[in-house]
Protein backbone atom coordinates (compact mmCIF):
# COMPACT_ATOMS: atom_id res chain seq x y z
CA MET A 1 -36.76 0.51 -13.60
CA ASN A 2 -34.16 3.26 -13.15
CA ILE A 3 -31.50 1.93 -10.77
CA ARG A 4 -29.94 5.35 -10.23
CA GLU A 5 -33.20 6.83 -8.99
CA ASN A 6 -33.65 3.94 -6.56
CA LEU A 7 -30.13 4.48 -5.21
CA GLU A 8 -30.76 8.21 -4.85
CA GLN A 9 -33.90 7.47 -2.84
CA LEU A 10 -31.97 5.04 -0.64
CA GLU A 11 -29.55 7.86 0.15
CA VAL A 12 -32.42 10.14 1.16
CA ASP A 13 -33.99 7.43 3.33
CA TYR A 14 -30.81 6.20 5.04
CA LEU A 15 -28.09 8.86 5.14
CA SER A 16 -27.74 11.44 7.88
CA PRO A 17 -29.76 14.64 7.38
CA TYR A 18 -26.38 16.41 7.26
CA ALA A 19 -25.05 14.23 4.43
CA SER A 20 -24.73 15.33 0.81
CA HIS A 21 -27.40 13.58 -1.26
CA SER A 22 -26.58 12.88 -4.89
CA ILE A 23 -29.98 14.17 -5.99
CA HIS A 24 -29.18 17.58 -4.48
CA SER A 25 -25.80 18.05 -6.15
CA LYS A 26 -25.09 21.52 -7.51
CA GLY A 27 -24.23 19.84 -10.81
CA ARG A 28 -21.37 19.80 -13.27
CA LEU A 29 -19.56 22.50 -15.23
CA LYS A 30 -21.28 21.17 -18.36
CA GLU A 31 -24.69 19.56 -18.28
CA GLU A 32 -24.84 15.95 -19.38
CA GLU A 33 -27.30 13.09 -19.48
CA PRO A 34 -27.39 11.28 -16.12
CA CYS A 35 -26.37 7.63 -15.89
CA ASP A 36 -29.27 5.19 -15.44
CA ILE A 37 -27.26 3.09 -12.95
CA ARG A 38 -24.87 5.35 -11.02
CA PRO A 39 -25.61 8.46 -8.92
CA VAL A 40 -23.42 11.45 -9.73
CA TYR A 41 -20.77 11.02 -7.02
CA GLN A 42 -20.27 7.34 -7.85
CA ARG A 43 -19.85 8.35 -11.47
CA ASP A 44 -17.22 10.94 -10.46
CA ARG A 45 -15.36 8.32 -8.43
CA ASP A 46 -15.24 6.02 -11.46
CA ARG A 47 -13.98 8.80 -13.74
CA ILE A 48 -11.11 9.61 -11.38
CA LEU A 49 -10.21 5.97 -10.88
CA HIS A 50 -9.94 5.40 -14.64
CA SER A 51 -7.95 8.58 -15.33
CA LYS A 52 -4.33 8.69 -16.44
CA SER A 53 -3.50 11.12 -13.63
CA PHE A 54 -4.64 8.57 -11.06
CA ARG A 55 -2.48 5.82 -12.54
CA ARG A 56 0.60 8.08 -12.62
CA MET A 57 0.52 8.47 -8.83
CA LYS A 58 1.97 4.97 -8.46
CA ASP A 59 5.36 6.37 -9.51
CA LYS A 60 5.29 9.64 -7.57
CA THR A 61 7.10 10.20 -4.28
CA GLN A 62 5.18 10.45 -1.02
CA VAL A 63 7.98 11.40 1.42
CA PHE A 64 11.09 9.32 0.73
CA LEU A 65 12.85 9.77 -2.62
CA ALA A 66 13.81 6.44 -4.23
CA PRO A 67 13.60 4.45 -0.97
CA LYS A 68 15.44 1.13 -0.74
CA GLY A 69 12.57 -1.24 -0.08
CA ASP A 70 9.24 -2.37 -1.48
CA HIS A 71 6.99 -1.25 1.38
CA TYR A 72 7.38 2.52 1.40
CA ARG A 73 4.35 4.56 0.45
CA THR A 74 3.90 6.25 -2.90
CA ARG A 75 1.47 9.02 -3.73
CA LEU A 76 -0.97 6.34 -4.90
CA THR A 77 -0.84 4.20 -1.77
CA HIS A 78 -1.23 7.37 0.31
CA THR A 79 -4.35 8.19 -1.69
CA LEU A 80 -5.79 4.72 -1.11
CA GLU A 81 -5.17 4.99 2.63
CA VAL A 82 -6.87 8.39 2.73
CA SER A 83 -9.82 6.88 0.86
CA GLN A 84 -10.11 3.95 3.27
CA ASN A 85 -9.94 6.18 6.34
CA ALA A 86 -12.55 8.51 4.86
CA ARG A 87 -14.92 5.69 3.91
CA THR A 88 -14.70 4.17 7.40
CA ILE A 89 -15.58 7.51 8.99
CA ALA A 90 -18.30 8.28 6.43
CA LYS A 91 -19.99 4.91 6.87
CA ALA A 92 -20.02 5.26 10.66
CA LEU A 93 -21.52 8.76 10.41
CA ARG A 94 -23.97 7.79 7.63
CA MET A 95 -22.39 10.26 5.22
CA ASN A 96 -22.14 9.80 1.45
CA GLU A 97 -19.39 7.23 0.88
CA ASP A 98 -19.32 7.79 -2.88
CA LEU A 99 -18.63 11.48 -2.38
CA VAL A 100 -15.85 10.98 0.18
CA GLU A 101 -14.25 8.33 -2.02
CA ALA A 102 -14.35 10.55 -5.12
CA ILE A 103 -12.77 13.47 -3.23
CA ALA A 104 -10.16 11.22 -1.61
CA LEU A 105 -9.13 9.54 -4.86
CA GLY A 106 -8.81 12.92 -6.60
CA HIS A 107 -7.29 15.07 -3.90
CA ASP A 108 -3.62 14.56 -4.87
CA LEU A 109 -3.84 14.23 -8.66
CA GLY A 110 -1.94 17.51 -9.02
CA HIS A 111 1.16 16.41 -7.13
CA THR A 112 4.44 16.77 -8.98
CA PRO A 113 7.26 14.25 -9.35
CA PHE A 114 9.41 14.01 -6.21
CA GLY A 115 6.61 15.03 -3.85
CA HIS A 116 6.67 18.43 -2.19
CA ALA A 117 10.21 19.05 -3.48
CA GLY A 118 8.84 19.14 -7.03
CA GLU A 119 5.99 21.38 -5.94
CA ARG A 120 8.38 23.84 -4.31
CA ALA A 121 10.53 23.83 -7.43
CA LEU A 122 7.66 24.70 -9.79
CA ASN A 123 6.22 27.22 -7.36
CA GLY A 124 9.59 28.93 -7.31
CA VAL A 125 9.98 29.33 -11.08
CA CYS A 126 6.45 29.69 -12.44
CA PRO A 127 5.08 33.26 -12.24
CA TYR A 128 1.62 31.80 -11.60
CA GLY A 129 2.89 29.67 -8.73
CA TYR A 130 2.12 26.01 -8.25
CA CYS A 131 -0.20 24.52 -5.62
CA HIS A 132 -1.05 20.84 -5.93
CA SER A 133 -4.66 21.23 -4.74
CA GLN A 134 -5.35 23.89 -7.36
CA GLN A 135 -3.55 21.80 -9.96
CA SER A 136 -5.70 18.79 -9.05
CA VAL A 137 -8.79 20.81 -9.96
CA ARG A 138 -7.14 22.03 -13.16
CA ILE A 139 -6.46 18.41 -14.09
CA VAL A 140 -10.05 17.26 -13.62
CA ASP A 141 -11.48 20.42 -15.23
CA LEU A 142 -9.16 20.76 -18.21
CA LEU A 143 -6.16 18.50 -18.60
CA GLU A 144 -7.65 15.01 -18.46
CA LYS A 145 -9.04 13.37 -21.60
CA SER A 146 -6.90 15.46 -23.97
CA GLY A 147 -8.29 18.79 -22.81
CA ALA A 148 -11.92 17.76 -22.29
CA GLY A 149 -11.60 17.26 -18.52
CA LEU A 150 -13.65 14.87 -16.38
CA ASN A 151 -16.58 17.26 -15.83
CA LEU A 152 -16.96 16.42 -12.14
CA THR A 153 -19.64 17.70 -9.76
CA ALA A 154 -19.20 20.92 -7.81
CA GLU A 155 -19.01 19.03 -4.49
CA VAL A 156 -16.14 16.80 -5.59
CA ARG A 157 -14.21 19.72 -7.07
CA ASP A 158 -14.74 21.74 -3.87
CA GLY A 159 -13.49 18.89 -1.70
CA ILE A 160 -10.38 18.41 -3.84
CA LEU A 161 -9.57 22.13 -3.84
CA ASN A 162 -9.98 22.56 -0.08
CA HIS A 163 -8.43 19.38 1.31
CA GLN A 164 -5.36 21.14 2.75
CA THR A 165 -5.19 22.73 6.19
CA ARG A 166 -5.79 26.23 4.86
CA GLY A 167 -9.00 25.18 3.07
CA MET A 168 -12.45 24.28 4.38
CA PRO A 169 -14.73 22.18 2.16
CA SER A 170 -18.39 23.12 1.93
CA THR A 171 -19.60 19.54 2.57
CA LEU A 172 -19.10 17.35 5.62
CA GLU A 173 -17.81 14.66 3.27
CA GLY A 174 -15.08 17.02 2.10
CA ARG A 175 -14.19 17.76 5.73
CA ILE A 176 -13.93 14.04 6.43
CA VAL A 177 -11.37 13.74 3.62
CA ARG A 178 -9.50 16.78 4.95
CA PHE A 179 -9.10 15.06 8.33
CA SER A 180 -8.44 11.67 6.74
CA ASP A 181 -5.57 13.09 4.69
CA LYS A 182 -3.79 14.33 7.83
CA ILE A 183 -4.50 11.11 9.73
CA ALA A 184 -3.16 9.02 6.84
CA TYR A 185 0.07 10.89 6.24
CA ILE A 186 0.94 11.21 9.93
CA HIS A 187 0.29 7.49 10.36
CA HIS A 188 2.09 6.12 7.32
CA ASP A 189 4.92 8.67 7.19
CA MET A 190 5.79 7.71 10.76
CA ASP A 191 5.62 4.04 9.82
CA ASP A 192 7.95 4.66 6.86
CA ALA A 193 10.30 6.75 9.01
CA ILE A 194 10.56 3.91 11.54
CA ARG A 195 11.21 1.48 8.67
CA ALA A 196 13.96 3.79 7.39
CA GLY A 197 15.62 3.97 10.82
CA ILE A 198 14.97 7.70 11.18
CA LEU A 199 12.56 7.25 14.10
CA ARG A 200 11.86 4.74 16.84
CA GLU A 201 8.52 4.29 18.56
CA SER A 202 10.19 5.37 21.80
CA ASP A 203 11.02 8.77 20.25
CA ILE A 204 7.35 9.83 20.32
CA PRO A 205 6.96 12.28 23.23
CA LYS A 206 5.22 10.70 26.22
CA GLU A 207 2.60 13.46 26.46
CA ILE A 208 1.44 12.50 22.95
CA SER A 209 1.55 8.71 23.46
CA GLU A 210 -0.45 8.95 26.67
CA VAL A 211 -3.34 10.51 24.76
CA ILE A 212 -3.41 8.63 21.44
CA GLY A 213 -1.41 5.41 21.91
CA THR A 214 2.08 4.00 21.67
CA THR A 215 2.05 2.36 18.21
CA THR A 216 1.15 3.60 14.74
CA GLY A 217 -1.84 1.23 14.67
CA GLU A 218 -3.14 2.43 18.04
CA ARG A 219 -2.84 6.06 16.97
CA LEU A 220 -4.69 5.48 13.69
CA ASP A 221 -7.48 3.66 15.52
CA HIS A 222 -7.69 6.37 18.19
CA PHE A 223 -7.90 9.22 15.67
CA ILE A 224 -10.72 7.58 13.73
CA HIS A 225 -12.74 6.55 16.79
CA ASP A 226 -12.39 10.02 18.32
CA LEU A 227 -13.47 11.71 15.10
CA VAL A 228 -16.53 9.47 14.76
CA SER A 229 -17.63 9.72 18.39
CA ASN A 230 -17.29 13.52 18.46
CA SER A 231 -19.02 14.09 15.09
CA TYR A 232 -21.88 11.61 15.36
CA GLY A 233 -25.28 13.25 14.89
CA LYS A 234 -23.75 16.70 14.40
CA ASN A 235 -23.56 19.09 11.47
CA GLU A 236 -19.77 19.22 11.83
CA ILE A 237 -16.71 16.99 11.68
CA CYS A 238 -14.53 17.43 14.74
CA MET A 239 -12.15 15.78 17.21
CA SER A 240 -12.13 16.15 20.97
CA GLU A 241 -9.85 18.92 22.17
CA PRO A 242 -7.23 16.61 23.79
CA VAL A 243 -6.92 14.47 20.66
CA ALA A 244 -6.87 17.48 18.32
CA GLN A 245 -4.05 18.99 20.40
CA ALA A 246 -2.14 15.69 20.43
CA MET A 247 -2.54 15.42 16.66
CA GLY A 248 -1.19 18.95 16.24
CA ARG A 249 1.80 18.18 18.46
CA LEU A 250 2.45 14.91 16.61
CA ARG A 251 2.29 16.71 13.26
CA GLN A 252 4.82 19.27 14.53
CA PHE A 253 7.03 16.45 15.81
CA MET A 254 6.92 14.87 12.33
CA PHE A 255 7.94 18.14 10.69
CA GLU A 256 10.89 18.50 13.03
CA ARG A 257 12.07 14.89 12.91
CA VAL A 258 11.04 13.65 9.44
CA TYR A 259 9.78 16.26 6.96
CA GLN A 260 12.72 18.56 7.68
CA ASN A 261 15.19 15.78 8.53
CA GLY A 262 18.51 16.10 6.74
CA ASP A 263 18.92 12.35 6.24
CA ALA A 264 15.39 11.87 4.91
CA LYS A 265 15.55 14.94 2.69
CA SER A 266 19.21 14.96 1.61
CA GLU A 267 18.38 14.33 -2.06
CA GLU A 268 15.55 16.86 -2.37
CA SER A 269 17.73 19.76 -3.50
CA LYS A 270 18.84 17.63 -6.46
CA ALA A 271 15.23 16.86 -7.31
CA GLU A 272 14.33 20.56 -7.18
CA ILE A 273 17.19 21.44 -9.55
CA LEU A 274 16.11 18.67 -11.94
CA VAL A 275 12.49 19.89 -12.01
CA GLN A 276 13.46 23.55 -12.49
CA THR A 277 15.94 22.60 -15.22
CA LEU A 278 13.22 20.73 -17.12
CA TYR A 279 10.84 23.67 -16.69
CA ASN A 280 13.37 26.14 -18.10
CA TYR A 281 14.22 23.81 -20.97
CA TYR A 282 10.61 23.42 -22.11
CA ARG A 283 9.97 27.14 -21.70
CA ARG A 284 12.64 27.61 -24.37
CA HIS A 285 11.42 24.69 -26.49
CA LEU A 286 7.62 24.81 -26.46
CA GLU A 287 7.57 23.00 -29.80
CA LEU A 288 8.80 19.85 -28.03
CA LEU A 289 5.75 19.61 -25.78
CA PRO A 290 3.33 16.72 -26.51
CA GLU A 291 0.35 17.46 -28.79
CA ASP A 292 -2.18 17.81 -25.97
CA TYR A 293 -0.13 20.63 -24.45
CA ILE A 294 0.45 22.30 -27.82
CA ARG A 295 -3.34 22.40 -28.23
CA LEU A 296 -3.65 24.12 -24.85
CA LEU A 297 -1.23 26.82 -26.06
CA GLU A 298 -3.29 27.21 -29.24
CA ARG A 299 -6.39 27.69 -27.07
CA GLY A 300 -4.70 30.64 -25.37
CA GLU A 301 -3.42 29.03 -22.15
CA ALA A 302 -0.35 30.79 -20.70
CA GLN A 303 2.94 29.23 -21.77
CA GLU A 304 4.34 29.06 -18.24
CA ARG A 305 1.23 27.31 -16.95
CA VAL A 306 1.21 24.76 -19.75
CA VAL A 307 4.86 23.91 -19.13
CA CYS A 308 3.97 23.45 -15.45
CA ASP A 309 1.11 21.18 -16.52
CA TYR A 310 3.55 18.98 -18.40
CA ILE A 311 6.31 18.89 -15.78
CA GLY A 312 3.86 18.49 -12.91
CA ALA A 313 2.23 15.50 -14.59
CA MET A 314 5.51 13.59 -14.88
CA THR A 315 6.28 10.61 -12.67
CA ASP A 316 9.63 10.51 -10.85
CA ARG A 317 10.94 7.95 -13.31
CA PHE A 318 9.79 9.84 -16.41
CA ALA A 319 11.26 13.14 -15.17
CA ILE A 320 14.64 11.48 -14.59
CA ALA A 321 14.50 9.82 -18.01
CA LYS A 322 13.70 13.14 -19.72
CA TYR A 323 16.53 14.88 -17.90
CA GLU A 324 18.98 12.16 -18.96
CA GLU A 325 17.69 12.26 -22.55
CA ILE A 326 18.22 16.02 -22.76
CA TYR A 327 21.38 16.57 -20.75
CA ILE A 328 23.36 13.33 -20.40
CA PRO A 329 25.44 12.16 -23.39
CA ARG A 330 24.28 8.75 -24.64
CA SER A 331 27.80 7.36 -24.30
CA TRP A 332 27.60 8.01 -20.55
CA HIS A 333 24.54 5.84 -20.04
CA GLY A 334 25.44 2.67 -18.20
């Protein structure tokens, strides 16, 4: 008995006709023997979950740099919330849960230390630029497993690459993750901002609250229910017009009050300088890169990109430790 084949048939029999069936995947970059237990998207999910890049997200900033408290989100907890939102929506719509989970767990692997501040810093100094969604694909294609990559399916790679607003995934599962990412960060970033004293619930404009609710929990519930009810039985993933407009206004409100808030972002310029300083240092001292990155240079990868690979992979804590090791005299360490 081949368990994988039975599971693939269950997908065909049960999932929506608009869902992505494992048996119809476009395949991997390199052909490999299929697993006798797991369909391809479940296998991709497992590979991402066990990767070093996934584990590093626990020490990478989401919004608040070095917050004073144990309950602020990190890049890893954000990823888990995106995954849960996406699975809830996918299950309700009879979409492929394994595919949405794989895309969700992998969508932010390419984030730098210090969140978007680190991304801006590398994008500003690297001639090739730096975009975390593109870097996430580079990680799963090339950087993981000492240069072998994870060899994921085309559908998972497409969903990871196109999860941002400017992208549009080719599968409905990828589009679910794209919505779930926005829902998650609006929800939890507002929760963290309230915890930090930057916002109060009463600050949310009334025209937004009247449409989607007056608490973070109500808004999360409203977004998900609206998305499910408006997408059910359709070959598209969409919100109702009033809720989509309210979400857009709430996102703009968050940019004005939180993402560009001087109190919340006061330390980001320091983080950008730290990241750019490390980049410039390793550009001058390529011989100090770890062996995996030296091998990439030997394979012909551009020096600037490989240095970005190394800096971008760092956690907040590791980047600070490296900066101190290079630039701070030992006698100054507390």
